Amino acid sequence: MPYRRTPRVEARLSASRDRIRAAALAVVAERGYAGCSIAAVARRAGVATGSVYRHFPAKADLVAEVFRVASQREVDAFARAASLEGSAAEGIAAVIETFAGRALRAPRMAYALLAEPADPAVDAERLVFRRAYAAVLAGLIGRGIAAGELPEQNVEVSAAALVGAIGEALVGPLAVGAGRSAEPPAVGDADARTHAARRADAQTHADGRTDAQARADGLAKAQARAVGDADAQAGLMAHLITFAQRSIGAVDDDT
């Protein structure tokens, strides 16, 4: 008679798989696919490497699962933004603000999802999710045409072109951002103050300034960097929105 797992065993295995998957997501968010080794995931999950292999026979299986879970979250957020009431131009702005904003807040993970070299299994999943994003945009564009807000066009081609263009425009900034913390410190953030203070301490007496002066100057520089990053991100977002709106005829070229 074949062995049948009890509900308790099934629940334990499911919980173990969920813990391993969550650990793998955290590792990829910090280190990308290159740093997502079975050993690293096992350490993060607090399990033996054999337990990881029991659920995911190969690293390819694990990273493909990570990609599916993370990408589905992004597609869901993208679709929610597209479903908000408003004009076609407003809808395009909403989905780009959602997609690009989430990506820029977590560049390491976003770069992994969009462009980081990975196993062929991940490349195959990327195609699936690119089509999912395109389908959402096609629906939005189609509604705009039906409402008389957009000119007649091939919605599938327009949607696919926008997905490709937006993703490509983000790859460079995300590649740079992937090399630093996921979110730049906000102005006045405690971490920014701590970082600035440490930098100031290291150079306190180098130029004759007092500790207070050095810390104040260091904080001002840290805040300026944070503001600069925010301004750069806002500028990129504005360009992407304008480009997308013009591409589908939601606004005039001279708007």
C-alpha atoms as a PDB file:
ATOM      1  CA  MET A   1       0.000   0.000   0.000  1.00  0.00           C
ATOM      2  CA  PRO A   2       1.565   3.348  -1.035  1.00  0.00           C
ATOM      3  CA  TYR A   3       2.446   5.811   1.712  1.00  0.00           C
ATOM      4  CA  ARG A   4       0.038   8.719   2.025  1.00  0.00           C
ATOM      5  CA  ARG A   5       1.057  11.885   3.821  1.00  0.00           C
ATOM      6  CA  THR A   6      -1.088  12.961   6.711  1.00  0.00           C
ATOM      7  CA  PRO A   7      -2.545  16.479   6.797  1.00  0.00           C
ATOM      8  CA  ARG A   8      -0.053  17.334   9.546  1.00  0.00           C
ATOM      9  CA  VAL A   9       2.891  16.242   7.392  1.00  0.00           C
ATOM     10  CA  GLU A  10       1.514  18.142   4.393  1.00  0.00           C
ATOM     11  CA  ALA A  11       1.145  21.296   6.487  1.00  0.00           C
ATOM     12  CA  ARG A  12       4.693  20.948   7.821  1.00  0.00           C
ATOM     13  CA  LEU A  13       6.129  20.495   4.329  1.00  0.00           C
ATOM     14  CA  SER A  14       4.115  23.428   3.010  1.00  0.00           C
ATOM     15  CA  ALA A  15       5.339  25.651   5.829  1.00  0.00           C
ATOM     16  CA  SER A  16       8.930  24.576   5.160  1.00  0.00           C
ATOM     17  CA  ARG A  17       8.588  25.359   1.452  1.00  0.00           C
ATOM     18  CA  ASP A  18       7.088  28.765   2.226  1.00  0.00           C
ATOM     19  CA  ARG A  19       9.945  29.565   4.615  1.00  0.00           C
ATOM     20  CA  ILE A  20      12.546  28.552   2.024  1.00  0.00           C
ATOM     21  CA  ARG A  21      10.824  30.569  -0.682  1.00  0.00           C
ATOM     22  CA  ALA A  22      10.649  33.651   1.559  1.00  0.00           C
ATOM     23  CA  ALA A  23      14.330  33.257   2.376  1.00  0.00           C
ATOM     24  CA  ALA A  24      15.222  32.981  -1.301  1.00  0.00           C
ATOM     25  CA  LEU A  25      13.231  36.125  -2.085  1.00  0.00           C
ATOM     26  CA  ALA A  26      15.133  37.990   0.622  1.00  0.00           C
ATOM     27  CA  VAL A  27      18.507  36.756  -0.649  1.00  0.00           C
ATOM     28  CA  VAL A  28      17.739  37.767  -4.248  1.00  0.00           C
ATOM     29  CA  ALA A  29      16.527  41.170  -3.069  1.00  0.00           C
ATOM     30  CA  GLU A  30      19.880  41.681  -1.347  1.00  0.00           C
ATOM     31  CA  ARG A  31      22.350  39.925  -3.661  1.00  0.00           C
ATOM     32  CA  GLY A  32      20.610  39.108  -6.920  1.00  0.00           C
ATOM     33  CA  TYR A  33      20.572  35.702  -8.562  1.00  0.00           C
ATOM     34  CA  ALA A  34      24.364  35.423  -8.435  1.00  0.00           C
ATOM     35  CA  GLY A  35      24.255  35.457  -4.646  1.00  0.00           C
ATOM     36  CA  CYS A  36      21.259  33.154  -4.352  1.00  0.00           C
ATOM     37  CA  SER A  37      23.077  29.920  -3.591  1.00  0.00           C
ATOM     38  CA  ILE A  38      21.355  26.963  -1.999  1.00  0.00           C
ATOM     39  CA  ALA A  39      23.638  27.342   1.018  1.00  0.00           C
ATOM     40  CA  ALA A  40      22.781  31.031   1.426  1.00  0.00           C
ATOM     41  CA  VAL A  41      19.068  30.328   1.228  1.00  0.00           C
ATOM     42  CA  ALA A  42      19.347  27.459   3.707  1.00  0.00           C
ATOM     43  CA  ARG A  43      21.146  29.710   6.193  1.00  0.00           C
ATOM     44  CA  ARG A  44      18.538  32.441   5.799  1.00  0.00           C
ATOM     45  CA  ALA A  45      15.680  29.954   6.217  1.00  0.00           C
ATOM     46  CA  GLY A  46      17.338  28.217   9.161  1.00  0.00           C
ATOM     47  CA  VAL A  47      17.206  24.799   7.523  1.00  0.00           C
ATOM     48  CA  ALA A  48      19.702  22.252   6.209  1.00  0.00           C
ATOM     49  CA  THR A  49      20.704  22.425   2.544  1.00  0.00           C
ATOM     50  CA  GLY A  50      19.096  19.015   2.104  1.00  0.00           C
ATOM     51  CA  SER A  51      15.750  20.521   3.073  1.00  0.00           C
ATOM     52  CA  VAL A  52      16.072  23.097   0.287  1.00  0.00           C
ATOM     53  CA  TYR A  53      16.883  20.393  -2.245  1.00  0.00           C
ATOM     54  CA  ARG A  54      13.888  18.377  -1.046  1.00  0.00           C
ATOM     55  CA  HIS A  55      11.595  21.154  -2.232  1.00  0.00           C
ATOM     56  CA  PHE A  56      13.722  22.538  -5.076  1.00  0.00           C
ATOM     57  CA  PRO A  57      15.884  19.845  -6.724  1.00  0.00           C
ATOM     58  CA  ALA A  58      18.128  22.434  -8.426  1.00  0.00           C
ATOM     59  CA  LYS A  59      19.005  26.104  -8.067  1.00  0.00           C
ATOM     60  CA  ALA A  60      17.222  26.723 -11.387  1.00  0.00           C
ATOM     61  CA  ASP A  61      13.978  25.526  -9.821  1.00  0.00           C
ATOM     62  CA  LEU A  62      14.459  27.804  -6.832  1.00  0.00           C
ATOM     63  CA  VAL A  63      15.291  30.989  -8.751  1.00  0.00           C
ATOM     64  CA  ALA A  64      12.451  30.351 -11.208  1.00  0.00           C
ATOM     65  CA  GLU A  65      10.072  30.109  -8.260  1.00  0.00           C
ATOM     66  CA  VAL A  66      11.467  33.331  -6.808  1.00  0.00           C
ATOM     67  CA  PHE A  67      10.991  35.054 -10.144  1.00  0.00           C
ATOM     68  CA  ARG A  68       7.387  33.865 -10.472  1.00  0.00           C
ATOM     69  CA  VAL A  69       6.429  34.996  -6.984  1.00  0.00           C
ATOM     70  CA  ALA A  70       8.141  38.385  -7.203  1.00  0.00           C
ATOM     71  CA  SER A  71       6.941  39.089 -10.739  1.00  0.00           C
ATOM     72  CA  GLN A  72       3.353  38.177  -9.929  1.00  0.00           C
ATOM     73  CA  ARG A  73       3.353  40.757  -7.148  1.00  0.00           C
ATOM     74  CA  GLU A  74       4.495  43.404  -9.620  1.00  0.00           C
ATOM     75  CA  VAL A  75       1.974  42.402 -12.285  1.00  0.00           C
ATOM     76  CA  ASP A  76      -0.809  42.498  -9.688  1.00  0.00           C
ATOM     77  CA  ALA A  77       0.203  46.016  -8.612  1.00  0.00           C
ATOM     78  CA  PHE A  78       0.446  47.060 -12.269  1.00  0.00           C
ATOM     79  CA  ALA A  79      -3.034  45.696 -12.986  1.00  0.00           C
ATOM     80  CA  ARG A  80      -4.535  47.436  -9.958  1.00  0.00           C
ATOM     81  CA  ALA A  81      -3.125  50.749 -11.152  1.00  0.00           C
ATOM     82  CA  ALA A  82      -4.526  50.155 -14.640  1.00  0.00           C
ATOM     83  CA  SER A  83      -7.998  49.433 -13.226  1.00  0.00           C
ATOM     84  CA  LEU A  84      -8.343  52.815 -11.523  1.00  0.00           C
ATOM     85  CA  GLU A  85     -10.981  55.072 -13.028  1.00  0.00           C
ATOM     86  CA  GLY A  86      -9.724  57.919 -15.145  1.00  0.00           C
ATOM     87  CA  SER A  87      -8.734  58.853 -18.661  1.00  0.00           C
ATOM     88  CA  ALA A  88      -6.312  56.859 -20.789  1.00  0.00           C
ATOM     89  CA  ALA A  89      -3.600  59.444 -20.133  1.00  0.00           C
ATOM     90  CA  GLU A  90      -4.191  59.168 -16.392  1.00  0.00           C
ATOM     91  CA  GLY A  91      -4.177  55.389 -16.591  1.00  0.00           C
ATOM     92  CA  ILE A  92      -0.833  55.331 -18.387  1.00  0.00           C
ATOM     93  CA  ALA A  93       0.614  57.704 -15.805  1.00  0.00           C
ATOM     94  CA  ALA A  94      -0.694  55.514 -12.974  1.00  0.00           C
ATOM     95  CA  VAL A  95       0.788  52.260 -14.281  1.00  0.00           C
ATOM     96  CA  ILE A  96       4.187  53.833 -14.980  1.00  0.00           C
ATOM     97  CA  GLU A  97       4.296  55.534 -11.591  1.00  0.00           C
ATOM     98  CA  THR A  98       3.463  52.176 -10.021  1.00  0.00           C
ATOM     99  CA  PHE A  99       5.855  50.061 -12.073  1.00  0.00           C
ATOM    100  CA  ALA A 100       8.818  52.451 -12.117  1.00  0.00           C
ATOM    101  CA  GLY A 101       8.260  53.677  -8.590  1.00  0.00           C
ATOM    102  CA  ARG A 102       8.277  50.177  -7.134  1.00  0.00           C
ATOM    103  CA  ALA A 103      11.325  49.256  -9.214  1.00  0.00           C
ATOM    104  CA  LEU A 104      13.338  52.295  -8.151  1.00  0.00           C
ATOM    105  CA  ARG A 105      12.524  51.678  -4.500  1.00  0.00           C
ATOM    106  CA  ALA A 106      13.931  48.137  -4.737  1.00  0.00           C
ATOM    107  CA  PRO A 107      16.536  48.281  -7.529  1.00  0.00           C
ATOM    108  CA  ARG A 108      18.346  45.058  -6.648  1.00  0.00           C
ATOM    109  CA  MET A 109      15.187  42.960  -6.976  1.00  0.00           C
ATOM    110  CA  ALA A 110      13.874  44.944  -9.930  1.00  0.00           C
ATOM    111  CA  TYR A 111      17.141  44.497 -11.816  1.00  0.00           C
ATOM    112  CA  ALA A 112      16.968  40.763 -11.117  1.00  0.00           C
ATOM    113  CA  LEU A 113      13.448  40.628 -12.518  1.00  0.00           C
ATOM    114  CA  LEU A 114      14.161  42.751 -15.581  1.00  0.00           C
ATOM    115  CA  ALA A 115      17.662  42.098 -16.787  1.00  0.00           C
ATOM    116  CA  GLU A 116      20.118  40.269 -14.546  1.00  0.00           C
ATOM    117  CA  PRO A 117      21.719  37.305 -16.360  1.00  0.00           C
ATOM    118  CA  ALA A 118      20.193  34.153 -14.944  1.00  0.00           C
ATOM    119  CA  ASP A 119      19.275  30.572 -15.650  1.00  0.00           C
ATOM    120  CA  PRO A 120      17.339  29.884 -18.885  1.00  0.00           C
ATOM    121  CA  ALA A 121      14.370  28.976 -16.689  1.00  0.00           C
ATOM    122  CA  VAL A 122      14.220  32.603 -15.539  1.00  0.00           C
ATOM    123  CA  ASP A 123      14.519  33.866 -19.114  1.00  0.00           C
ATOM    124  CA  ALA A 124      11.508  31.738 -20.048  1.00  0.00           C
ATOM    125  CA  GLU A 125       9.533  33.169 -17.124  1.00  0.00           C
ATOM    126  CA  ARG A 126      10.468  36.701 -18.180  1.00  0.00           C
ATOM    127  CA  LEU A 127       8.708  36.179 -21.493  1.00  0.00           C
ATOM    128  CA  VAL A 128       5.577  34.986 -19.706  1.00  0.00           C
ATOM    129  CA  PHE A 129       5.428  38.040 -17.484  1.00  0.00           C
ATOM    130  CA  ARG A 130       6.292  40.494 -20.246  1.00  0.00           C
ATOM    131  CA  ARG A 131       3.177  39.200 -21.990  1.00  0.00           C
ATOM    132  CA  ALA A 132       1.206  39.687 -18.758  1.00  0.00           C
ATOM    133  CA  TYR A 133       2.280  43.339 -18.529  1.00  0.00           C
ATOM    134  CA  ALA A 134       1.492  43.831 -22.220  1.00  0.00           C
ATOM    135  CA  ALA A 135      -1.968  42.338 -21.737  1.00  0.00           C
ATOM    136  CA  VAL A 136      -2.739  44.839 -18.985  1.00  0.00           C
ATOM    137  CA  LEU A 137      -1.570  47.741 -21.161  1.00  0.00           C
ATOM    138  CA  ALA A 138      -3.500  46.412 -24.155  1.00  0.00           C
ATOM    139  CA  GLY A 139      -6.672  46.467 -22.088  1.00  0.00           C
ATOM    140  CA  LEU A 140      -6.004  50.021 -20.956  1.00  0.00           C
ATOM    141  CA  ILE A 141      -5.282  51.196 -24.505  1.00  0.00           C
ATOM    142  CA  GLY A 142      -8.329  49.375 -25.826  1.00  0.00           C
ATOM    143  CA  ARG A 143     -10.565  51.125 -23.313  1.00  0.00           C
ATOM    144  CA  GLY A 144      -9.075  54.458 -24.326  1.00  0.00           C
ATOM    145  CA  ILE A 145      -9.830  53.796 -27.989  1.00  0.00           C
ATOM    146  CA  ALA A 146     -13.389  52.755 -27.180  1.00  0.00           C
ATOM    147  CA  ALA A 147     -13.885  55.951 -25.175  1.00  0.00           C
ATOM    148  CA  GLY A 148     -12.608  58.077 -28.034  1.00  0.00           C
ATOM    149  CA  GLU A 149      -9.590  59.222 -26.020  1.00  0.00           C
ATOM    150  CA  LEU A 150      -7.002  57.446 -28.175  1.00  0.00           C
ATOM    151  CA  PRO A 151      -6.589  57.078 -31.945  1.00  0.00           C
ATOM    152  CA  GLU A 152      -7.119  53.710 -33.601  1.00  0.00           C
ATOM    153  CA  GLN A 153      -4.033  51.540 -33.344  1.00  0.00           C
ATOM    154  CA  ASN A 154      -2.891  47.949 -32.965  1.00  0.00           C
ATOM    155  CA  VAL A 155      -3.258  47.635 -29.200  1.00  0.00           C
ATOM    156  CA  GLU A 156      -1.079  44.531 -28.935  1.00  0.00           C
ATOM    157  CA  VAL A 157       1.810  46.132 -30.793  1.00  0.00           C
ATOM    158  CA  SER A 158       1.500  49.399 -28.861  1.00  0.00           C
ATOM    159  CA  ALA A 159       1.366  47.574 -25.545  1.00  0.00           C
ATOM    160  CA  ALA A 160       4.321  45.321 -26.310  1.00  0.00           C
ATOM    161  CA  ALA A 161       6.366  48.303 -27.515  1.00  0.00           C
ATOM    162  CA  LEU A 162       5.658  50.214 -24.309  1.00  0.00           C
ATOM    163  CA  VAL A 163       6.615  47.256 -22.108  1.00  0.00           C
ATOM    164  CA  GLY A 164       9.909  46.909 -23.941  1.00  0.00           C
ATOM    165  CA  ALA A 165      10.700  50.621 -23.953  1.00  0.00           C
ATOM    166  CA  ILE A 166       9.870  51.194 -20.286  1.00  0.00           C
ATOM    167  CA  GLY A 167      11.824  48.162 -19.158  1.00  0.00           C
ATOM    168  CA  GLU A 168      14.855  49.136 -21.245  1.00  0.00           C
ATOM    169  CA  ALA A 169      14.771  52.717 -19.940  1.00  0.00           C
ATOM    170  CA  LEU A 170      14.897  51.439 -16.360  1.00  0.00           C
ATOM    171  CA  VAL A 171      17.695  48.904 -16.802  1.00  0.00           C
ATOM    172  CA  GLY A 172      20.508  51.455 -16.544  1.00  0.00           C
ATOM    173  CA  PRO A 173      19.278  53.230 -13.393  1.00  0.00           C
ATOM    174  CA  LEU A 174      18.427  49.906 -11.775  1.00  0.00           C
ATOM    175  CA  ALA A 175      21.850  48.443 -12.579  1.00  0.00           C
ATOM    176  CA  VAL A 176      23.438  51.408 -10.803  1.00  0.00           C
ATOM    177  CA  GLY A 177      20.948  51.284  -7.934  1.00  0.00           C
ATOM    178  CA  ALA A 178      21.479  47.557  -7.480  1.00  0.00           C
ATOM    179  CA  GLY A 179      24.942  48.329  -6.194  1.00  0.00           C
ATOM    180  CA  ARG A 180      23.633  50.305  -3.209  1.00  0.00           C
ATOM    181  CA  SER A 181      20.815  50.059  -0.694  1.00  0.00           C
ATOM    182  CA  ALA A 182      17.332  49.403  -2.021  1.00  0.00           C
ATOM    183  CA  GLU A 183      15.990  52.754  -0.885  1.00  0.00           C
ATOM    184  CA  PRO A 184      18.055  55.935  -0.582  1.00  0.00           C
ATOM    185  CA  PRO A 185      17.595  57.509   2.856  1.00  0.00           C
ATOM    186  CA  ALA A 186      14.863  60.117   3.003  1.00  0.00           C
ATOM    187  CA  VAL A 187      15.716  63.650   4.069  1.00  0.00           C
ATOM    188  CA  GLY A 188      15.756  63.700   7.858  1.00  0.00           C
ATOM    189  CA  ASP A 189      15.836  59.893   8.064  1.00  0.00           C
ATOM    190  CA  ALA A 190      17.566  58.495  11.143  1.00  0.00           C
ATOM    191  CA  ASP A 191      19.848  56.309   9.070  1.00  0.00           C
ATOM    192  CA  ALA A 192      20.949  59.312   7.033  1.00  0.00           C
ATOM    193  CA  ARG A 193      21.745  61.189  10.232  1.00  0.00           C
ATOM    194  CA  THR A 194      23.734  58.251  11.587  1.00  0.00           C
ATOM    195  CA  HIS A 195      25.647  57.794   8.358  1.00  0.00           C
ATOM    196  CA  ALA A 196      26.421  61.491   8.138  1.00  0.00           C
ATOM    197  CA  ALA A 197      27.598  61.576  11.734  1.00  0.00           C
ATOM    198  CA  ARG A 198      29.977  58.672  11.203  1.00  0.00           C
ATOM    199  CA  ARG A 199      31.428  60.284   8.124  1.00  0.00           C
ATOM    200  CA  ALA A 200      31.842  63.537  10.033  1.00  0.00           C
ATOM    201  CA  ASP A 201      33.586  61.827  12.956  1.00  0.00           C
ATOM    202  CA  ALA A 202      36.204  60.403  10.629  1.00  0.00           C
ATOM    203  CA  GLN A 203      37.235  63.863   9.465  1.00  0.00           C
ATOM    204  CA  THR A 204      36.457  65.991  12.496  1.00  0.00           C
ATOM    205  CA  HIS A 205      39.929  67.368  13.118  1.00  0.00           C
ATOM    206  CA  ALA A 206      41.228  67.153   9.556  1.00  0.00           C
ATOM    207  CA  ASP A 207      40.243  70.741   8.811  1.00  0.00           C
ATOM    208  CA  GLY A 208      39.888  72.220  12.265  1.00  0.00           C
ATOM    209  CA  ARG A 209      36.086  72.030  12.446  1.00  0.00           C
ATOM    210  CA  THR A 210      34.258  71.105  15.633  1.00  0.00           C
ATOM    211  CA  ASP A 211      32.364  67.835  15.963  1.00  0.00           C
ATOM    212  CA  ALA A 212      29.041  69.688  15.706  1.00  0.00           C
ATOM    213  CA  GLN A 213      30.116  71.528  12.567  1.00  0.00           C
ATOM    214  CA  ALA A 214      31.401  68.350  10.951  1.00  0.00           C
ATOM    215  CA  ARG A 215      28.234  66.471  11.756  1.00  0.00           C
ATOM    216  CA  ALA A 216      26.047  69.292  10.453  1.00  0.00           C
ATOM    217  CA  ASP A 217      28.008  69.480   7.220  1.00  0.00           C
ATOM    218  CA  GLY A 218      27.941  65.709   6.811  1.00  0.00           C
ATOM    219  CA  LEU A 219      24.198  65.570   7.365  1.00  0.00           C
ATOM    220  CA  ALA A 220      23.632  68.362   4.857  1.00  0.00           C
ATOM    221  CA  LYS A 221      25.617  66.432   2.250  1.00  0.00           C
ATOM    222  CA  ALA A 222      23.738  63.198   2.974  1.00  0.00           C
ATOM    223  CA  GLN A 223      20.431  65.016   2.654  1.00  0.00           C
ATOM    224  CA  ALA A 224      21.554  66.644  -0.595  1.00  0.00           C
ATOM    225  CA  ARG A 225      22.386  63.231  -2.022  1.00  0.00           C
ATOM    226  CA  ALA A 226      18.976  61.914  -0.995  1.00  0.00           C
ATOM    227  CA  VAL A 227      17.221  64.907  -2.554  1.00  0.00           C
ATOM    228  CA  GLY A 228      19.324  64.508  -5.686  1.00  0.00           C
ATOM    229  CA  ASP A 229      18.307  60.885  -6.025  1.00  0.00           C
ATOM    230  CA  ALA A 230      14.652  61.781  -5.529  1.00  0.00           C
ATOM    231  CA  ASP A 231      14.854  64.528  -8.129  1.00  0.00           C
ATOM    232  CA  ALA A 232      16.532  62.218 -10.618  1.00  0.00           C
ATOM    233  CA  GLN A 233      13.883  59.574 -10.081  1.00  0.00           C
ATOM    234  CA  ALA A 234      11.080  62.117 -10.452  1.00  0.00           C
ATOM    235  CA  GLY A 235      12.617  63.364 -13.700  1.00  0.00           C
ATOM    236  CA  LEU A 236      12.932  59.854 -15.093  1.00  0.00           C
ATOM    237  CA  MET A 237       9.328  59.110 -14.158  1.00  0.00           C
ATOM    238  CA  ALA A 238       8.081  62.267 -15.846  1.00  0.00           C
ATOM    239  CA  HIS A 239       9.968  61.444 -19.044  1.00  0.00           C
ATOM    240  CA  LEU A 240       8.620  57.887 -19.099  1.00  0.00           C
ATOM    241  CA  ILE A 241       5.043  59.064 -18.604  1.00  0.00           C
ATOM    242  CA  THR A 242       5.291  61.703 -21.331  1.00  0.00           C
ATOM    243  CA  PHE A 243       6.927  59.244 -23.714  1.00  0.00           C
ATOM    244  CA  ALA A 244       4.241  56.608 -23.117  1.00  0.00           C
ATOM    245  CA  GLN A 245       1.351  59.045 -23.400  1.00  0.00           C
ATOM    246  CA  ARG A 246       2.655  60.427 -26.666  1.00  0.00           C
ATOM    247  CA  SER A 247       3.391  56.983 -28.036  1.00  0.00           C
ATOM    248  CA  ILE A 248      -0.240  55.933 -27.841  1.00  0.00           C
ATOM    249  CA  GLY A 249      -1.672  59.343 -28.748  1.00  0.00           C
ATOM    250  CA  ALA A 250      -2.976  60.191 -25.280  1.00  0.00           C
ATOM    251  CA  VAL A 251      -1.469  63.669 -25.502  1.00  0.00           C
ATOM    252  CA  ASP A 252      -0.335  65.868 -28.374  1.00  0.00           C
ATOM    253  CA  ASP A 253       3.357  65.962 -29.249  1.00  0.00           C
ATOM    254  CA  ASP A 254       3.575  69.599 -28.187  1.00  0.00           C
ATOM    255  CA  THR A 255       1.908  69.013 -24.811  1.00  0.00           C
END
